[in-house]
């Protein structure tokens, strides 16, 4: 074939095309993959010990097999498995209760005006402090325990709250008091974010009541439900310190969980393979629940088919009357007084002398003063306070430096779709992995490296444990950018800075949420420090646990230590709570 143009002659010689077509492959630059290298190295602090635990669980004297899992035939282990499953069920139940409370506050404006701060304070308090507080409230002596005193005055005699069966009421109450505010706040934020035009369209369709709940609110809140469920399951799996501090020693086996059963087995010199098998069973239980998190953390859009109508602007969420608002304020004020009572009990007990706190209830006017704080200071409270500041600050800094580029890579790094799903699934599984899966090998490795008692080592472990959830949250925030804009940025016409500018209102709150929550969670941590830390670190929670072991004789100093331990996280979360909620729901809103 020949072509002529302006005196230039071109001849193109063709030939028959033979053979099968070869599919083309897009060129993917390898540079962005380097962003994930620090996360891979930090995750190895968990992945390698987890691998060691799995191998130990299946290794038997005769080779590899399931012989170590015969430990599950032990009645104590079976009871612990059953109790662990109960805690997972409690987590799901708390999600449901929190959702309906959020829905009630959404329908009854003014309810959260007083209730919101009262719900935030318990979430900022550590589970260890919460357990100590509820043990004070349910003390079996009517002259000390609030519930016991009220029950005795009403019915003449009181049941043993910390005895068989009823101790679960105390445990679940303490757990719910700690976490319910978190659940309600996130669901309420999701409900407030439902677009008005969608609500008006649904109202114009005549969809109200329960139909509206199942057609609009539940589908739109699925992403937030995934975040809440994942967090609550992690908390339920880590129920360890709550049982230790609430349940009296002789009764602890009746409320045993797999984590505690594992700890007792390691401290009594049981075979390492059998203790590893316990950890693997616990891991299997929670990893299955992690699938819910994978589904929920994926961004969804509302896709319910509705008839397109011209909505009446007066429909949708009705404007509440003054009477409804007054009812909301009254109910919110009353509930907030009840909800804040445990915190009042803790502070009032701390303001009594150690002797008076052990003899009389918090309402007594005798023995008031600060001697319990002095007693707590004498056991190293303020040294532990400084140590905890250093550990929490270092862990938060390391986490932010590594989590941000990793989330950026997963969201916009151009990873193949299959690889992105694998990475997300791995992070979800790591997020719910119980500490028992990596505690023993990691403790041995830290000791062998001569770093036992090192604050830096403990901070790195905390950063590694917090990395999966941080990456998932930040990835969801980054992924909220319009797909077309991200595609243009990856292919060249648009700059990445344009994408960042578009989603800065989304990812900045998520960044604040990651920083605040990591600092608060490390500050309040007990189980990681207890199972991995050496005596040189002395985190605040370990000092509190040391005092609580003789609870009846040290109620005043335990309460004082609990108050001191709670000040920083309470102030931090009250200050940034609105931003934290926005960050936790980033990329998950309708």
Protein backbone atom coordinates (compact mmCIF):
# COMPACT_ATOMS: atom_id res chain seq x y z
CA UNK A 1 0.00 0.00 0.00
CA UNK A 2 1.43 3.40 -0.99
CA UNK A 3 0.75 6.92 0.31
CA UNK A 4 1.79 10.26 -1.26
CA UNK A 5 1.69 13.66 0.44
CA UNK A 6 3.47 16.89 -0.60
CA UNK A 7 5.83 15.02 -2.83
CA UNK A 8 6.71 12.47 -0.14
CA UNK A 9 5.98 8.87 -1.10
CA UNK A 10 5.51 6.22 1.59
CA UNK A 11 5.05 2.53 0.96
CA UNK A 12 3.70 0.27 3.70
CA UNK A 13 4.26 -3.44 3.28
CA UNK A 14 1.84 -5.63 5.20
CA UNK A 15 1.84 -9.30 6.02
CA UNK A 16 -0.73 -11.76 7.22
CA UNK A 17 -1.17 -11.87 10.99
CA UNK A 18 -0.75 -15.38 12.37
CA UNK A 19 -0.84 -16.97 15.82
CA UNK A 20 -3.11 -16.21 18.78
CA UNK A 21 -3.39 -12.68 20.17
CA UNK A 22 -1.11 -11.87 23.09
CA UNK A 23 -2.90 -9.83 25.80
CA UNK A 24 -1.17 -6.65 26.78
CA UNK A 25 -0.21 -5.86 30.36
CA UNK A 26 -0.20 -2.38 31.83
CA UNK A 27 3.15 -1.23 33.06
CA UNK A 28 3.05 -0.80 36.83
CA UNK A 29 5.84 1.25 38.36
CA UNK A 30 7.54 -0.56 41.21
CA UNK A 31 8.34 2.63 43.13
CA UNK A 32 4.99 2.89 44.98
CA UNK A 33 5.45 -0.64 46.31
CA UNK A 34 8.32 0.66 48.44
CA UNK A 35 5.75 2.60 50.46
CA UNK A 36 4.58 -0.68 51.93
CA UNK A 37 8.03 -1.94 52.92
CA UNK A 38 8.06 -0.35 56.42
CA UNK A 39 4.61 -1.83 57.11
CA UNK A 40 5.82 -5.25 56.00
CA UNK A 41 8.83 -5.05 58.31
CA UNK A 42 6.75 -3.87 61.27
CA UNK A 43 4.09 -6.51 60.60
CA UNK A 44 6.81 -9.16 60.79
CA UNK A 45 6.84 -8.47 64.55
CA UNK A 46 3.46 -10.20 64.51
CA UNK A 47 3.61 -12.45 61.45
CA UNK A 48 6.76 -14.36 62.41
CA UNK A 49 5.65 -15.10 66.02
CA UNK A 50 2.21 -16.09 64.68
CA UNK A 51 3.91 -18.52 62.32
CA UNK A 52 6.00 -19.91 65.17
CA UNK A 53 2.85 -20.44 67.24
CA UNK A 54 1.03 -22.20 64.40
CA UNK A 55 3.99 -24.54 63.79
CA UNK A 56 4.28 -25.28 67.52
CA UNK A 57 0.55 -26.05 67.69
CA UNK A 58 0.81 -28.75 65.01
CA UNK A 59 4.23 -30.14 65.96
CA UNK A 60 4.11 -33.31 68.04
CA UNK A 61 6.88 -35.64 69.27
CA UNK A 62 6.12 -37.95 66.34
CA UNK A 63 5.96 -35.24 63.66
CA UNK A 64 3.09 -32.97 62.65
CA UNK A 65 -0.52 -33.58 63.53
CA UNK A 66 -3.44 -32.60 65.73
CA UNK A 67 -2.22 -34.26 68.90
CA UNK A 68 -1.74 -30.98 70.78
CA UNK A 69 -5.37 -30.07 70.21
CA UNK A 70 -6.34 -32.84 72.59
CA UNK A 71 -5.96 -30.09 75.20
CA UNK A 72 -9.45 -29.00 74.11
CA UNK A 73 -10.78 -32.12 75.79
CA UNK A 74 -9.85 -30.62 79.14
CA UNK A 75 -12.99 -29.37 80.92
CA UNK A 76 -11.33 -26.06 81.86
CA UNK A 77 -10.33 -25.43 78.24
CA UNK A 78 -13.82 -26.25 76.97
CA UNK A 79 -15.33 -23.89 79.53
CA UNK A 80 -12.90 -21.19 78.42
CA UNK A 81 -13.88 -21.70 74.76
CA UNK A 82 -17.55 -21.42 75.66
CA UNK A 83 -16.96 -18.24 77.67
CA UNK A 84 -14.94 -16.72 74.82
CA UNK A 85 -17.83 -17.38 72.45
CA UNK A 86 -20.17 -15.76 74.97
CA UNK A 87 -18.01 -12.63 74.88
CA UNK A 88 -18.17 -12.53 71.08
CA UNK A 89 -21.96 -12.79 71.39
CA UNK A 90 -21.89 -9.95 73.96
CA UNK A 91 -20.00 -7.81 71.42
CA UNK A 92 -22.65 -8.44 68.76
CA UNK A 93 -25.41 -7.75 71.27
CA UNK A 94 -23.80 -4.46 72.23
CA UNK A 95 -23.67 -3.45 68.55
CA UNK A 96 -27.42 -4.06 68.26
CA UNK A 97 -28.23 -2.20 71.48
CA UNK A 98 -26.00 0.71 70.47
CA UNK A 99 -27.67 0.94 67.08
CA UNK A 100 -31.17 1.18 68.53
CA UNK A 101 -30.05 3.72 71.14
CA UNK A 102 -28.52 5.81 68.35
CA UNK A 103 -31.77 5.47 66.40
CA UNK A 104 -33.73 6.59 69.47
CA UNK A 105 -31.53 9.66 69.90
CA UNK A 106 -31.95 10.38 66.18
CA UNK A 107 -35.73 10.23 66.50
CA UNK A 108 -35.71 12.20 69.77
CA UNK A 109 -33.51 15.28 69.26
CA UNK A 110 -32.00 16.75 72.39
CA UNK A 111 -31.37 13.36 73.96
CA UNK A 112 -27.63 13.51 73.32
CA UNK A 113 -27.14 17.09 74.49
CA UNK A 114 -26.28 15.89 78.01
CA UNK A 115 -25.72 12.23 77.22
CA UNK A 116 -22.85 12.59 74.73
CA UNK A 117 -20.11 13.61 77.24
CA UNK A 118 -21.36 10.97 79.69
CA UNK A 119 -20.94 8.31 77.00
CA UNK A 120 -17.46 9.44 75.98
CA UNK A 121 -15.89 9.37 79.45
CA UNK A 122 -16.28 5.59 80.00
CA UNK A 123 -14.76 4.89 76.57
CA UNK A 124 -11.67 6.85 77.59
CA UNK A 125 -11.29 4.82 80.78
CA UNK A 126 -9.31 1.60 80.57
CA UNK A 127 -11.07 -1.75 80.98
CA UNK A 128 -8.92 -2.34 84.05
CA UNK A 129 -10.18 0.87 85.68
CA UNK A 130 -13.73 0.09 84.58
CA UNK A 131 -13.50 -3.35 86.19
CA UNK A 132 -12.16 -1.89 89.43
CA UNK A 133 -14.99 0.66 89.46
CA UNK A 134 -17.72 -1.95 89.02
CA UNK A 135 -16.15 -4.13 91.65
CA UNK A 136 -16.51 -1.19 94.02
CA UNK A 137 -20.14 -0.70 92.98
CA UNK A 138 -21.01 -4.40 93.41
CA UNK A 139 -19.00 -4.94 96.59
CA UNK A 140 -20.86 -7.66 98.56
CA UNK A 141 -20.79 -5.64 101.79
CA UNK A 142 -23.80 -3.26 101.99
CA UNK A 143 -21.73 -0.72 103.88
CA UNK A 144 -19.40 -0.41 100.85
CA UNK A 145 -21.14 -1.56 97.66
CA UNK A 146 -23.64 0.86 96.08
CA UNK A 147 -25.85 -1.76 94.42
CA UNK A 148 -25.68 -3.99 97.49
CA UNK A 149 -26.71 -1.14 99.79
CA UNK A 150 -29.69 -0.20 97.59
CA UNK A 151 -30.79 -3.82 97.15
CA UNK A 152 -30.52 -4.52 100.87
CA UNK A 153 -32.58 -1.47 101.77
CA UNK A 154 -35.29 -2.54 99.29
CA UNK A 155 -35.41 -6.32 99.75
CA UNK A 156 -33.72 -6.95 103.11
CA UNK A 157 -30.93 -9.18 101.83
CA UNK A 158 -28.55 -9.11 98.92
CA UNK A 159 -27.29 -11.75 96.52
CA UNK A 160 -23.57 -12.31 96.15
CA UNK A 161 -22.93 -10.30 93.00
CA UNK A 162 -19.39 -11.61 92.62
CA UNK A 163 -20.48 -15.21 93.10
CA UNK A 164 -21.32 -17.92 90.55
CA UNK A 165 -23.56 -16.77 87.72
CA UNK A 166 -24.15 -13.23 88.92
CA UNK A 167 -20.52 -12.27 88.31
CA UNK A 168 -21.36 -12.25 84.60
CA UNK A 169 -23.80 -9.41 85.27
CA UNK A 170 -20.94 -7.36 86.72
CA UNK A 171 -18.56 -8.25 83.87
CA UNK A 172 -21.01 -7.45 81.09
CA UNK A 173 -22.07 -4.23 82.84
CA UNK A 174 -18.46 -3.04 83.04
CA UNK A 175 -17.80 -3.99 79.40
CA UNK A 176 -20.98 -2.29 78.20
CA UNK A 177 -20.29 0.85 80.23
CA UNK A 178 -16.90 1.12 78.56
CA UNK A 179 -17.94 0.53 74.94
CA UNK A 180 -21.56 1.58 74.50
CA UNK A 181 -20.72 5.26 74.04
CA UNK A 182 -18.37 4.40 71.17
CA UNK A 183 -21.05 2.35 69.42
CA UNK A 184 -23.82 4.93 69.86
CA UNK A 185 -21.60 7.82 68.70
CA UNK A 186 -20.57 6.12 65.46
CA UNK A 187 -24.07 5.01 64.55
CA UNK A 188 -25.48 8.44 65.37
CA UNK A 189 -22.87 10.05 63.11
CA UNK A 190 -23.92 7.72 60.30
CA UNK A 191 -27.60 8.54 60.81
CA UNK A 192 -26.90 12.28 60.82
CA UNK A 193 -25.03 11.89 57.51
CA UNK A 194 -27.99 10.41 55.62
CA UNK A 195 -28.69 12.91 52.80
CA UNK A 196 -31.88 14.92 53.21
CA UNK A 197 -32.91 14.31 49.61
CA UNK A 198 -32.77 10.55 50.19
CA UNK A 199 -34.90 10.88 53.33
CA UNK A 200 -37.43 13.05 51.47
CA UNK A 201 -37.60 10.59 48.59
CA UNK A 202 -38.21 7.69 50.96
CA UNK A 203 -40.90 9.70 52.78
CA UNK A 204 -42.56 10.56 49.48
CA UNK A 205 -42.66 6.85 48.70
CA UNK A 206 -44.64 6.33 51.88
CA UNK A 207 -41.87 4.27 53.51
CA UNK A 208 -42.05 4.81 57.27
CA UNK A 209 -41.57 2.96 60.54
CA UNK A 210 -39.96 -0.46 60.36
CA UNK A 211 -40.01 -0.37 56.55
CA UNK A 212 -37.85 2.75 56.61
CA UNK A 213 -35.46 1.09 59.07
CA UNK A 214 -34.86 -1.93 56.84
CA UNK A 215 -35.05 -0.08 53.54
CA UNK A 216 -32.91 2.96 54.33
CA UNK A 217 -31.05 3.15 57.62
CA UNK A 218 -29.71 -0.38 58.01
CA UNK A 219 -28.41 -0.63 54.40
CA UNK A 220 -26.77 2.79 54.58
CA UNK A 221 -25.08 2.01 57.89
CA UNK A 222 -23.52 -1.29 56.80
CA UNK A 223 -19.99 0.18 56.39
CA UNK A 224 -20.14 1.77 59.85
CA UNK A 225 -21.53 -1.48 61.22
CA UNK A 226 -18.42 -3.21 59.88
CA UNK A 227 -16.12 -0.75 61.69
CA UNK A 228 -18.07 -1.02 64.95
CA UNK A 229 -18.33 -4.80 64.81
CA UNK A 230 -14.63 -5.24 64.09
CA UNK A 231 -13.68 -2.98 67.00
CA UNK A 232 -16.06 -4.63 69.47
CA UNK A 233 -14.94 -8.14 68.51
CA UNK A 234 -11.31 -7.12 69.06
CA UNK A 235 -12.27 -5.76 72.49
CA UNK A 236 -14.26 -8.89 73.35
CA UNK A 237 -11.41 -11.17 72.34
CA UNK A 238 -9.05 -9.19 74.55
CA UNK A 239 -11.26 -9.53 77.64
CA UNK A 240 -8.50 -10.54 79.98
CA UNK A 241 -7.83 -7.83 82.52
CA UNK A 242 -11.56 -7.37 83.16
CA UNK A 243 -11.90 -10.94 84.42
CA UNK A 244 -8.65 -10.69 86.39
CA UNK A 245 -9.68 -7.61 88.34
CA UNK A 246 -13.44 -8.19 88.77
CA UNK A 247 -13.71 -11.89 89.54
CA UNK A 248 -12.29 -13.01 92.92
CA UNK A 249 -9.51 -15.57 92.68
CA UNK A 250 -11.50 -18.67 93.72
CA UNK A 251 -14.23 -17.79 91.18
CA UNK A 252 -12.06 -16.99 88.16
CA UNK A 253 -12.20 -20.43 86.59
CA UNK A 254 -15.99 -20.18 86.27
CA UNK A 255 -15.56 -17.02 84.17
CA UNK A 256 -12.38 -18.19 82.46
CA UNK A 257 -11.73 -17.19 78.84
CA UNK A 258 -9.27 -18.73 76.41
CA UNK A 259 -6.82 -15.90 76.90
CA UNK A 260 -6.70 -16.46 80.66
CA UNK A 261 -6.60 -20.22 80.22
CA UNK A 262 -3.63 -19.79 77.89
CA UNK A 263 -1.86 -17.51 80.39
CA UNK A 264 -2.30 -19.98 83.23
CA UNK A 265 -1.00 -22.79 81.05
CA UNK A 266 2.15 -20.82 80.18
CA UNK A 267 2.81 -19.84 83.80
CA UNK A 268 2.36 -23.38 85.13
CA UNK A 269 4.88 -24.89 82.72
CA UNK A 270 2.47 -26.74 80.42
CA UNK A 271 3.78 -28.13 77.14
CA UNK A 272 4.38 -25.29 74.64
CA UNK A 273 2.59 -27.20 71.90
CA UNK A 274 -0.59 -27.49 73.95
CA UNK A 275 -0.56 -23.80 74.89
CA UNK A 276 0.05 -22.92 71.23
CA UNK A 277 -2.98 -25.03 70.31
CA UNK A 278 -5.09 -22.95 72.71
CA UNK A 279 -3.93 -19.80 70.97
CA UNK A 280 -4.74 -21.22 67.53
CA UNK A 281 -8.27 -22.16 68.63
CA UNK A 282 -8.85 -18.64 69.94
CA UNK A 283 -7.44 -17.23 66.71
CA UNK A 284 -9.72 -19.41 64.59
CA UNK A 285 -12.78 -18.18 66.46
CA UNK A 286 -12.07 -14.50 65.92
CA UNK A 287 -10.60 -14.77 62.41
CA UNK A 288 -13.94 -16.12 61.21
CA UNK A 289 -15.64 -13.05 62.65
CA UNK A 290 -13.09 -10.87 60.83
CA UNK A 291 -14.85 -11.66 57.56
CA UNK A 292 -17.65 -9.39 58.75
CA UNK A 293 -15.11 -6.60 59.04
CA UNK A 294 -13.86 -7.17 55.49
CA UNK A 295 -17.37 -6.83 54.13
CA UNK A 296 -18.19 -3.82 56.26
CA UNK A 297 -15.00 -1.88 55.63
CA UNK A 298 -15.54 -1.92 51.88
CA UNK A 299 -17.13 1.30 50.73
CA UNK A 300 -20.75 0.86 49.74
CA UNK A 301 -23.22 3.17 48.12
CA UNK A 302 -26.95 3.23 48.61
CA UNK A 303 -28.42 1.21 45.77
CA UNK A 304 -32.01 0.56 46.80
CA UNK A 305 -34.33 0.85 43.78
CA UNK A 306 -36.92 3.57 44.30
CA UNK A 307 -39.34 5.32 42.03
CA UNK A 308 -38.08 8.72 40.96
CA UNK A 309 -40.52 11.32 42.22
CA UNK A 310 -40.42 15.00 42.93
CA UNK A 311 -40.12 15.02 46.70
CA UNK A 312 -42.02 17.43 48.83
CA UNK A 313 -39.37 19.54 50.64
CA UNK A 314 -41.50 19.44 53.77
CA UNK A 315 -41.12 15.67 53.98
CA UNK A 316 -38.12 13.78 55.31
CA UNK A 317 -36.90 14.21 58.83
CA UNK A 318 -39.57 16.27 60.58
CA UNK A 319 -38.61 19.27 62.63
CA UNK A 320 -39.13 18.36 66.28
CA UNK A 321 -41.53 20.34 68.40
CA UNK A 322 -40.51 22.10 71.60
CA UNK A 323 -42.28 19.40 73.60
CA UNK A 324 -40.29 16.64 71.90
CA UNK A 325 -37.05 18.54 72.50
CA UNK A 326 -37.88 19.00 76.19
CA UNK A 327 -38.59 15.30 76.53
CA UNK A 328 -35.25 14.56 74.88
CA UNK A 329 -33.36 16.92 77.18
CA UNK A 330 -35.08 15.52 80.28
CA UNK A 331 -34.46 11.89 79.37
CA UNK A 332 -30.90 12.65 78.28
CA UNK A 333 -30.14 14.46 81.53
CA UNK A 334 -31.57 11.62 83.66
CA UNK A 335 -29.73 8.90 81.75
CA UNK A 336 -26.47 10.85 81.81
CA UNK A 337 -26.65 11.12 85.62
CA UNK A 338 -27.03 7.35 85.88
CA UNK A 339 -24.35 6.70 83.27
CA UNK A 340 -21.79 8.94 84.93
CA UNK A 341 -22.38 7.39 88.38
CA UNK A 342 -19.53 4.82 88.11
CA UNK A 343 -17.06 7.64 87.42
CA UNK A 344 -18.41 9.51 90.46
CA UNK A 345 -17.97 6.38 92.58
CA UNK A 346 -14.35 6.05 91.44
CA UNK A 347 -13.43 9.67 92.17
CA UNK A 348 -15.29 9.75 95.51
CA UNK A 349 -13.58 6.54 96.65
CA UNK A 350 -10.19 7.98 95.70
CA UNK A 351 -10.90 11.02 97.89
CA UNK A 352 -11.14 8.83 101.00
CA UNK A 353 -8.23 7.56 103.02
CA UNK A 354 -7.16 3.96 102.31
CA UNK A 355 -8.59 2.82 105.64
CA UNK A 356 -11.97 4.52 105.21
CA UNK A 357 -12.26 3.38 101.58
CA UNK A 358 -11.87 -0.21 102.76
CA UNK A 359 -14.44 0.15 105.54
CA UNK A 360 -17.18 2.43 104.17
CA UNK A 361 -18.81 3.37 100.92
CA UNK A 362 -17.98 6.35 98.73
CA UNK A 363 -20.92 8.30 100.17
CA UNK A 364 -19.35 8.43 103.64
CA UNK A 365 -18.07 11.85 104.77
CA UNK A 366 -15.40 10.50 107.10
CA UNK A 367 -11.78 10.13 106.07
CA UNK A 368 -11.91 12.63 103.20
CA UNK A 369 -8.53 13.75 101.83
CA UNK A 370 -5.76 12.90 99.41
CA UNK A 371 -3.98 10.20 101.38
CA UNK A 372 -5.03 7.50 98.89
CA UNK A 373 -3.25 9.45 96.14
CA UNK A 374 -0.16 9.61 98.35
CA UNK A 375 -0.36 5.85 98.90
CA UNK A 376 -0.59 5.30 95.14
CA UNK A 377 2.41 7.57 94.57
CA UNK A 378 4.48 5.53 97.01
CA UNK A 379 4.16 2.41 94.84
CA UNK A 380 5.68 4.09 91.76
CA UNK A 381 2.60 5.63 90.17
CA UNK A 382 4.29 8.75 88.81
CA UNK A 383 7.30 6.86 87.49
CA UNK A 384 4.87 4.59 85.66
CA UNK A 385 3.04 7.69 84.40
CA UNK A 386 6.22 8.98 82.73
CA UNK A 387 6.98 5.56 81.29
CA UNK A 388 3.48 5.31 79.83
CA UNK A 389 3.77 8.76 78.22
CA UNK A 390 6.99 7.70 76.49
CA UNK A 391 5.62 4.34 75.32
CA UNK A 392 2.31 5.74 74.06
CA UNK A 393 3.98 8.71 72.35
CA UNK A 394 6.60 6.56 70.60
CA UNK A 395 4.04 3.96 69.49
CA UNK A 396 1.74 6.65 68.07
CA UNK A 397 4.56 8.36 66.17
CA UNK A 398 5.81 5.10 64.64
CA UNK A 399 2.28 4.09 63.71
CA UNK A 400 1.50 7.34 61.89
CA UNK A 401 4.77 7.37 59.97
CA UNK A 402 4.15 3.84 58.67
CA UNK A 403 0.35 3.65 58.38
CA UNK A 404 -0.19 6.74 56.20
CA UNK A 405 1.97 5.70 53.21
CA UNK A 406 0.73 2.12 53.49
CA UNK A 407 -2.92 3.20 53.37
CA UNK A 408 -2.05 5.49 50.45
CA UNK A 409 -0.51 2.52 48.64
CA UNK A 410 -3.49 0.24 49.25
CA UNK A 411 -5.99 2.93 48.19
CA UNK A 412 -4.24 4.62 45.26
CA UNK A 413 -0.99 2.78 44.64
CA UNK A 414 -2.28 0.99 41.59
CA UNK A 415 -2.11 -2.45 43.19
CA UNK A 416 -3.68 -5.28 41.18
CA UNK A 417 -7.21 -5.86 42.37
CA UNK A 418 -6.46 -9.32 43.70
CA UNK A 419 -3.44 -8.07 45.63
CA UNK A 420 -5.44 -5.24 47.16
CA UNK A 421 -8.03 -7.71 48.40
CA UNK A 422 -5.36 -10.00 49.83
CA UNK A 423 -3.65 -7.12 51.65
CA UNK A 424 -6.96 -5.89 53.07
CA UNK A 425 -7.91 -9.38 54.24
CA UNK A 426 -4.51 -9.89 55.88
CA UNK A 427 -4.84 -6.61 57.77
CA UNK A 428 -8.35 -7.53 58.95
CA UNK A 429 -7.13 -10.90 60.22
CA UNK A 430 -4.15 -9.27 61.96
CA UNK A 431 -6.46 -6.68 63.52
CA UNK A 432 -8.49 -9.37 65.29
CA UNK A 433 -5.55 -11.66 66.08
CA UNK A 434 -5.43 -12.26 69.84
CA UNK A 435 -2.24 -11.30 71.66
CA UNK A 436 -1.83 -14.93 72.73
CA UNK A 437 -0.92 -15.86 69.15
CA UNK A 438 2.33 -13.91 69.26
CA UNK A 439 3.01 -13.08 72.92
CA UNK A 440 5.16 -16.08 73.92
CA UNK A 441 7.52 -16.20 70.87
CA UNK A 442 7.82 -12.42 70.87
CA UNK A 443 8.60 -12.29 74.59
CA UNK A 444 11.28 -14.95 74.14
CA UNK A 445 12.78 -13.13 71.14
CA UNK A 446 12.86 -9.80 72.99
CA UNK A 447 14.52 -11.46 75.96
CA UNK A 448 17.08 -13.22 73.75
CA UNK A 449 17.96 -9.89 72.13
CA UNK A 450 18.61 -8.37 75.54
CA UNK A 451 15.68 -5.95 75.20
CA UNK A 452 13.54 -7.23 78.06
CA UNK A 453 12.11 -4.23 79.86
CA UNK A 454 12.86 -1.92 76.92
CA UNK A 455 10.29 0.81 76.35
CA UNK A 456 11.22 1.02 72.66
CA UNK A 457 10.57 -2.70 72.18
CA UNK A 458 7.18 -2.42 73.85
CA UNK A 459 6.31 0.68 71.79
CA UNK A 460 7.15 -1.17 68.56
CA UNK A 461 4.95 -4.08 69.57
CA UNK A 462 2.08 -1.66 70.25
CA UNK A 463 2.65 0.04 66.90
CA UNK A 464 2.63 -3.33 65.12
CA UNK A 465 -0.59 -4.34 66.90
CA UNK A 466 -2.30 -1.05 66.01
CA UNK A 467 -1.08 -0.90 62.39
CA UNK A 468 -3.76 -3.14 60.77
CA UNK A 469 -6.76 -1.18 62.05
CA UNK A 470 -5.03 2.14 61.31
CA UNK A 471 -4.33 1.14 57.70
CA UNK A 472 -7.89 -0.09 57.20
CA UNK A 473 -9.33 3.15 58.56
CA UNK A 474 -7.01 5.44 56.57
CA UNK A 475 -7.49 3.36 53.42
CA UNK A 476 -11.23 3.86 53.71
CA UNK A 477 -10.67 7.62 54.04
CA UNK A 478 -8.30 7.80 51.06
CA UNK A 479 -10.64 5.67 48.96
CA UNK A 480 -13.42 8.24 49.35
CA UNK A 481 -11.92 10.21 46.45
CA UNK A 482 -13.90 10.19 43.17
CA UNK A 483 -12.72 7.16 41.12
CA UNK A 484 -12.38 9.22 37.92
CA UNK A 485 -10.05 11.71 39.61
CA UNK A 486 -7.91 8.93 41.09
CA UNK A 487 -7.71 7.24 37.68
CA UNK A 488 -6.52 10.46 36.06
CA UNK A 489 -3.90 10.94 38.79
CA UNK A 490 -2.58 7.41 38.33
CA UNK A 491 -2.40 7.76 34.55
CA UNK A 492 -0.78 11.17 34.52
CA UNK A 493 -3.22 13.95 33.48
CA UNK A 494 -4.02 14.90 37.06
CA UNK A 495 -1.65 15.27 39.99
CA UNK A 496 -1.83 13.26 43.19
CA UNK A 497 -1.95 16.58 45.04
CA UNK A 498 -5.30 17.27 43.38
CA UNK A 499 -6.67 14.01 44.76
CA UNK A 500 -5.31 14.79 48.22
CA UNK A 501 -6.87 18.24 48.12
CA UNK A 502 -10.21 16.69 47.21
CA UNK A 503 -10.31 14.31 50.15
CA UNK A 504 -8.45 16.33 52.77
CA UNK A 505 -11.67 16.84 54.76
CA UNK A 506 -11.99 13.07 54.93
CA UNK A 507 -8.49 11.82 55.59
CA UNK A 508 -7.44 14.49 58.09
CA UNK A 509 -10.12 13.53 60.63
CA UNK A 510 -9.16 9.89 60.04
CA UNK A 511 -5.55 10.79 60.77
CA UNK A 512 -6.57 12.50 64.01
CA UNK A 513 -8.73 9.49 64.93
CA UNK A 514 -5.82 7.09 64.39
CA UNK A 515 -3.45 9.23 66.49
CA UNK A 516 -5.87 9.83 69.37
CA UNK A 517 -7.12 6.25 69.55
CA UNK A 518 -3.66 4.72 69.33
CA UNK A 519 -2.35 6.96 72.10
CA UNK A 520 -5.39 6.26 74.31
CA UNK A 521 -5.37 2.50 73.65
CA UNK A 522 -1.65 2.17 74.37
CA UNK A 523 -2.06 4.34 77.47
CA UNK A 524 -4.86 2.10 78.74
CA UNK A 525 -3.32 -1.20 77.61
CA UNK A 526 -2.81 -3.99 80.07
CA UNK A 527 -2.65 -7.27 78.20
CA UNK A 528 0.28 -6.47 75.87
CA UNK A 529 2.38 -5.05 78.68
CA UNK A 530 1.37 -7.84 81.03
CA UNK A 531 2.20 -10.70 78.64
CA UNK A 532 5.23 -9.23 76.84
CA UNK A 533 6.74 -6.43 78.93
CA UNK A 534 9.57 -6.85 81.39
CA UNK A 535 9.69 -5.16 84.81
CA UNK A 536 11.73 -2.25 83.48
CA UNK A 537 8.90 -0.67 81.53
CA UNK A 538 6.38 -0.41 84.43
CA UNK A 539 3.40 0.85 82.39
CA UNK A 540 0.66 2.55 84.36
CA UNK A 541 -1.77 -0.36 83.99
CA UNK A 542 0.71 -2.80 85.56
CA UNK A 543 1.06 -0.59 88.65
CA UNK A 544 -2.72 -0.46 88.92
CA UNK A 545 -2.93 -4.25 88.61
CA UNK A 546 -0.28 -4.66 91.31
CA UNK A 547 -2.39 -2.65 93.72
CA UNK A 548 -5.63 -4.39 92.74
CA UNK A 549 -4.40 -7.86 93.64
CA UNK A 550 -5.24 -7.07 97.27
CA UNK A 551 -8.43 -5.28 96.36
CA UNK A 552 -10.26 -5.30 99.68
CA UNK A 553 -7.30 -3.78 101.51
CA UNK A 554 -6.30 -1.28 98.82
CA UNK A 555 -9.58 0.02 97.38
CA UNK A 556 -8.57 3.63 98.07
CA UNK A 557 -5.18 3.46 96.36
CA UNK A 558 -6.67 1.46 93.46
CA UNK A 559 -9.31 4.16 92.96
CA UNK A 560 -6.68 6.90 93.20
CA UNK A 561 -4.44 5.17 90.67
CA UNK A 562 -7.47 4.69 88.41
CA UNK A 563 -8.32 8.38 88.55
CA UNK A 564 -4.75 9.41 87.73
CA UNK A 565 -4.57 6.86 84.94
CA UNK A 566 -7.80 8.16 83.39
CA UNK A 567 -7.18 11.91 83.34
CA UNK A 568 -5.08 12.06 80.16
CA UNK A 569 -7.23 9.81 77.92
CA UNK A 570 -10.47 11.40 79.17
CA UNK A 571 -9.25 14.93 78.40
CA UNK A 572 -7.83 13.80 75.07
CA UNK A 573 -11.01 12.11 73.88
CA UNK A 574 -13.36 14.82 75.16
CA UNK A 575 -11.28 17.38 73.28
CA UNK A 576 -11.12 15.54 69.96
CA UNK A 577 -14.23 13.33 70.12
CA UNK A 578 -16.13 15.00 67.28
CA UNK A 579 -13.12 14.77 65.01
CA UNK A 580 -12.48 11.16 66.09
CA UNK A 581 -16.05 10.19 65.19
CA UNK A 582 -15.74 11.92 61.82
CA UNK A 583 -12.49 10.07 61.23
CA UNK A 584 -13.87 6.69 62.24
CA UNK A 585 -16.77 7.08 59.82
CA UNK A 586 -14.60 8.51 57.02
CA UNK A 587 -15.29 6.72 53.76
CA UNK A 588 -18.12 4.81 55.42
CA UNK A 589 -20.82 7.44 55.33
CA UNK A 590 -23.70 7.30 52.86
